[in-house]
Amino acid sequence: MANILTYPILLAFQIWQYLLARIVAPNPPAPGKKLKRPRIAIVGAGLTGVAAASHCVGHGFDVTIFEAGPREQLGGIWAVGCPTITSQLQILMSFSE
């Protein structure tokens, strides 16, 4: 059984994290907007590459992902084994066409 005194502390910590995320997190740029910041190339469209690209776009960078494999395998080995993630990545990548 968990210590009942830890619940208010965990709640306060979660509220603090939420507030910081709302205040500090950048807003993504509008689709198709020409960015005046440096361009970033990411090699590999695995789960980490897609996550890194998403993070960079959120900070306003123009990102290009290079992948040697077919478009159906975006997300790497983990996405191929999990159909839910594969469909989410396909939807995400369809916006870039």
C-alpha atoms as a PDB file:
ATOM      1  CA  MET A   1       0.000   0.000   0.000  1.00  0.00           C
ATOM      2  CA  ALA A   2       1.357   3.398  -0.996  1.00  0.00           C
ATOM      3  CA  ASN A   3       1.915   6.074   1.585  1.00  0.00           C
ATOM      4  CA  ILE A   4      -1.137   8.342   1.563  1.00  0.00           C
ATOM      5  CA  LEU A   5       1.033  11.384   2.277  1.00  0.00           C
ATOM      6  CA  THR A   6       2.759  11.043  -1.098  1.00  0.00           C
ATOM      7  CA  TYR A   7      -0.420  11.619  -3.132  1.00  0.00           C
ATOM      8  CA  PRO A   8      -0.657  15.400  -2.509  1.00  0.00           C
ATOM      9  CA  ILE A   9       3.027  15.726  -3.387  1.00  0.00           C
ATOM     10  CA  LEU A  10       2.570  13.771  -6.624  1.00  0.00           C
ATOM     11  CA  LEU A  11      -0.507  15.833  -7.497  1.00  0.00           C
ATOM     12  CA  ALA A  12       1.376  19.093  -6.890  1.00  0.00           C
ATOM     13  CA  PHE A  13       4.283  17.814  -9.007  1.00  0.00           C
ATOM     14  CA  GLN A  14       1.966  16.883 -11.896  1.00  0.00           C
ATOM     15  CA  ILE A  15       0.264  20.290 -11.759  1.00  0.00           C
ATOM     16  CA  TRP A  16       3.690  21.962 -11.765  1.00  0.00           C
ATOM     17  CA  GLN A  17       4.779  19.936 -14.814  1.00  0.00           C
ATOM     18  CA  TYR A  18       1.561  20.763 -16.672  1.00  0.00           C
ATOM     19  CA  LEU A  19       1.914  24.486 -15.999  1.00  0.00           C
ATOM     20  CA  LEU A  20       5.563  24.512 -17.077  1.00  0.00           C
ATOM     21  CA  ALA A  21       4.712  22.644 -20.284  1.00  0.00           C
ATOM     22  CA  ARG A  22       1.947  25.141 -21.131  1.00  0.00           C
ATOM     23  CA  ILE A  23       4.162  28.167 -20.431  1.00  0.00           C
ATOM     24  CA  VAL A  24       7.493  27.023 -21.902  1.00  0.00           C
ATOM     25  CA  ALA A  25       6.499  24.735 -24.809  1.00  0.00           C
ATOM     26  CA  PRO A  26       6.761  26.434 -28.209  1.00  0.00           C
ATOM     27  CA  ASN A  27       3.852  26.604 -30.627  1.00  0.00           C
ATOM     28  CA  PRO A  28       4.442  24.752 -33.909  1.00  0.00           C
ATOM     29  CA  PRO A  29       4.525  26.880 -37.070  1.00  0.00           C
ATOM     30  CA  ALA A  30       1.578  26.953 -39.460  1.00  0.00           C
ATOM     31  CA  PRO A  31       1.691  24.271 -42.195  1.00  0.00           C
ATOM     32  CA  GLY A  32       3.471  25.478 -45.322  1.00  0.00           C
ATOM     33  CA  LYS A  33       4.960  28.514 -43.597  1.00  0.00           C
ATOM     34  CA  LYS A  34       8.404  29.475 -44.884  1.00  0.00           C
ATOM     35  CA  LEU A  35      10.732  29.371 -41.925  1.00  0.00           C
ATOM     36  CA  LYS A  36      13.654  31.724 -41.567  1.00  0.00           C
ATOM     37  CA  ARG A  37      15.536  29.441 -39.228  1.00  0.00           C
ATOM     38  CA  PRO A  38      18.190  26.894 -40.145  1.00  0.00           C
ATOM     39  CA  ARG A  39      17.210  23.698 -41.882  1.00  0.00           C
ATOM     40  CA  ILE A  40      17.856  20.369 -40.206  1.00  0.00           C
ATOM     41  CA  ALA A  41      18.374  16.998 -41.896  1.00  0.00           C
ATOM     42  CA  ILE A  42      17.531  13.841 -39.974  1.00  0.00           C
ATOM     43  CA  VAL A  43      18.886  10.554 -41.262  1.00  0.00           C
ATOM     44  CA  GLY A  44      16.567   7.671 -40.515  1.00  0.00           C
ATOM     45  CA  ALA A  45      12.791   7.684 -40.150  1.00  0.00           C
ATOM     46  CA  GLY A  46      12.740   5.310 -37.219  1.00  0.00           C
ATOM     47  CA  LEU A  47      10.785   6.135 -34.114  1.00  0.00           C
ATOM     48  CA  THR A  48      13.615   8.298 -32.772  1.00  0.00           C
ATOM     49  CA  GLY A  49      14.078  10.109 -36.092  1.00  0.00           C
ATOM     50  CA  VAL A  50      10.381  10.929 -36.340  1.00  0.00           C
ATOM     51  CA  ALA A  51      10.312  12.064 -32.696  1.00  0.00           C
ATOM     52  CA  ALA A  52      13.385  14.253 -33.230  1.00  0.00           C
ATOM     53  CA  ALA A  53      11.817  15.778 -36.349  1.00  0.00           C
ATOM     54  CA  SER A  54       8.617  16.508 -34.458  1.00  0.00           C
ATOM     55  CA  HIS A  55      10.577  18.180 -31.669  1.00  0.00           C
ATOM     56  CA  CYS A  56      12.587  20.301 -34.140  1.00  0.00           C
ATOM     57  CA  VAL A  57       9.472  21.380 -36.058  1.00  0.00           C
ATOM     58  CA  GLY A  58       7.881  22.353 -32.749  1.00  0.00           C
ATOM     59  CA  HIS A  59      10.798  24.713 -32.205  1.00  0.00           C
ATOM     60  CA  GLY A  60      10.342  26.265 -35.645  1.00  0.00           C
ATOM     61  CA  PHE A  61      13.057  24.522 -37.658  1.00  0.00           C
ATOM     62  CA  ASP A  62      12.576  23.335 -41.230  1.00  0.00           C
ATOM     63  CA  VAL A  63      13.158  19.564 -41.114  1.00  0.00           C
ATOM     64  CA  THR A  64      13.864  17.030 -43.851  1.00  0.00           C
ATOM     65  CA  ILE A  65      13.901  13.312 -43.004  1.00  0.00           C
ATOM     66  CA  PHE A  66      16.010  10.967 -45.138  1.00  0.00           C
ATOM     67  CA  GLU A  67      15.095   7.280 -45.080  1.00  0.00           C
ATOM     68  CA  ALA A  68      16.560   4.490 -47.213  1.00  0.00           C
ATOM     69  CA  GLY A  69      13.674   2.094 -46.650  1.00  0.00           C
ATOM     70  CA  PRO A  70      10.166   2.184 -48.121  1.00  0.00           C
ATOM     71  CA  ARG A  71       7.538   4.610 -46.847  1.00  0.00           C
ATOM     72  CA  GLU A  72       5.527   1.708 -45.405  1.00  0.00           C
ATOM     73  CA  GLN A  73       8.236   1.079 -42.786  1.00  0.00           C
ATOM     74  CA  LEU A  74       8.350   4.565 -41.263  1.00  0.00           C
ATOM     75  CA  GLY A  75       8.852   4.317 -37.531  1.00  0.00           C
ATOM     76  CA  GLY A  76      11.413   1.540 -37.744  1.00  0.00           C
ATOM     77  CA  ILE A  77      11.101  -1.955 -36.394  1.00  0.00           C
ATOM     78  CA  TRP A  78       8.811  -0.950 -33.545  1.00  0.00           C
ATOM     79  CA  ALA A  79       6.228   0.652 -35.828  1.00  0.00           C
ATOM     80  CA  VAL A  80       6.204  -2.330 -38.190  1.00  0.00           C
ATOM     81  CA  GLY A  81       5.365  -4.631 -35.283  1.00  0.00           C
ATOM     82  CA  CYS A  82       2.618  -2.362 -33.902  1.00  0.00           C
ATOM     83  CA  PRO A  83      -0.142  -1.600 -36.452  1.00  0.00           C
ATOM     84  CA  THR A  84      -1.553   1.280 -34.369  1.00  0.00           C
ATOM     85  CA  ILE A  85       1.711   3.201 -34.435  1.00  0.00           C
ATOM     86  CA  THR A  86       2.233   2.438 -38.125  1.00  0.00           C
ATOM     87  CA  SER A  87      -1.093   4.020 -39.058  1.00  0.00           C
ATOM     88  CA  GLN A  88      -0.390   7.063 -36.875  1.00  0.00           C
ATOM     89  CA  LEU A  89       3.001   7.584 -38.531  1.00  0.00           C
ATOM     90  CA  GLN A  90       1.474   7.186 -42.005  1.00  0.00           C
ATOM     91  CA  ILE A  91      -1.088   9.872 -41.160  1.00  0.00           C
ATOM     92  CA  LEU A  92       1.641  12.151 -39.796  1.00  0.00           C
ATOM     93  CA  MET A  93       3.827  11.691 -42.868  1.00  0.00           C
ATOM     94  CA  SER A  94       0.887  12.241 -45.278  1.00  0.00           C
ATOM     95  CA  PHE A  95       0.828  15.903 -44.227  1.00  0.00           C
ATOM     96  CA  SER A  96       4.317  16.380 -45.673  1.00  0.00           C
ATOM     97  CA  GLU A  97       3.327  15.356 -49.210  1.00  0.00           C
END
